[in-house]
Amino acid sequence: MKNIAGFMIGRAALENPDSFIEINRSLNEESASLRGLKVIGEEFEQLCTKHMPKPIYLEKIKKYCSWYPKQLVIPVTNLGVKSPRYY
């Protein structure tokens, strides 16, 4: 690829975070391995146990990402009450 100032990655990157690896492989001719959607979901679930995102973000991720772990429950929070666990 020549004379490219930049390119944009949209929602497809949410659906397949490995798209960044695919782009890197094609631009730099590297052989990084892809994780696959199951592994991505497992990694996401593990990260959520350490740092739980706000429920609104989890709802969006669940809506757009097929790799969202089915067993991961979106926590219920009281509106207006800040919980340090989510911030």
Foldseek 3Di string as FASTA:
>chain_A
DPDDPDDDDPLVCLQAVCVVVVVCCVVVVDDDDGDDLQSVQVVVVVVCVVQNAQLVVLVVSVVRYPSNDPPDDRDDDDPPDDDPSHD
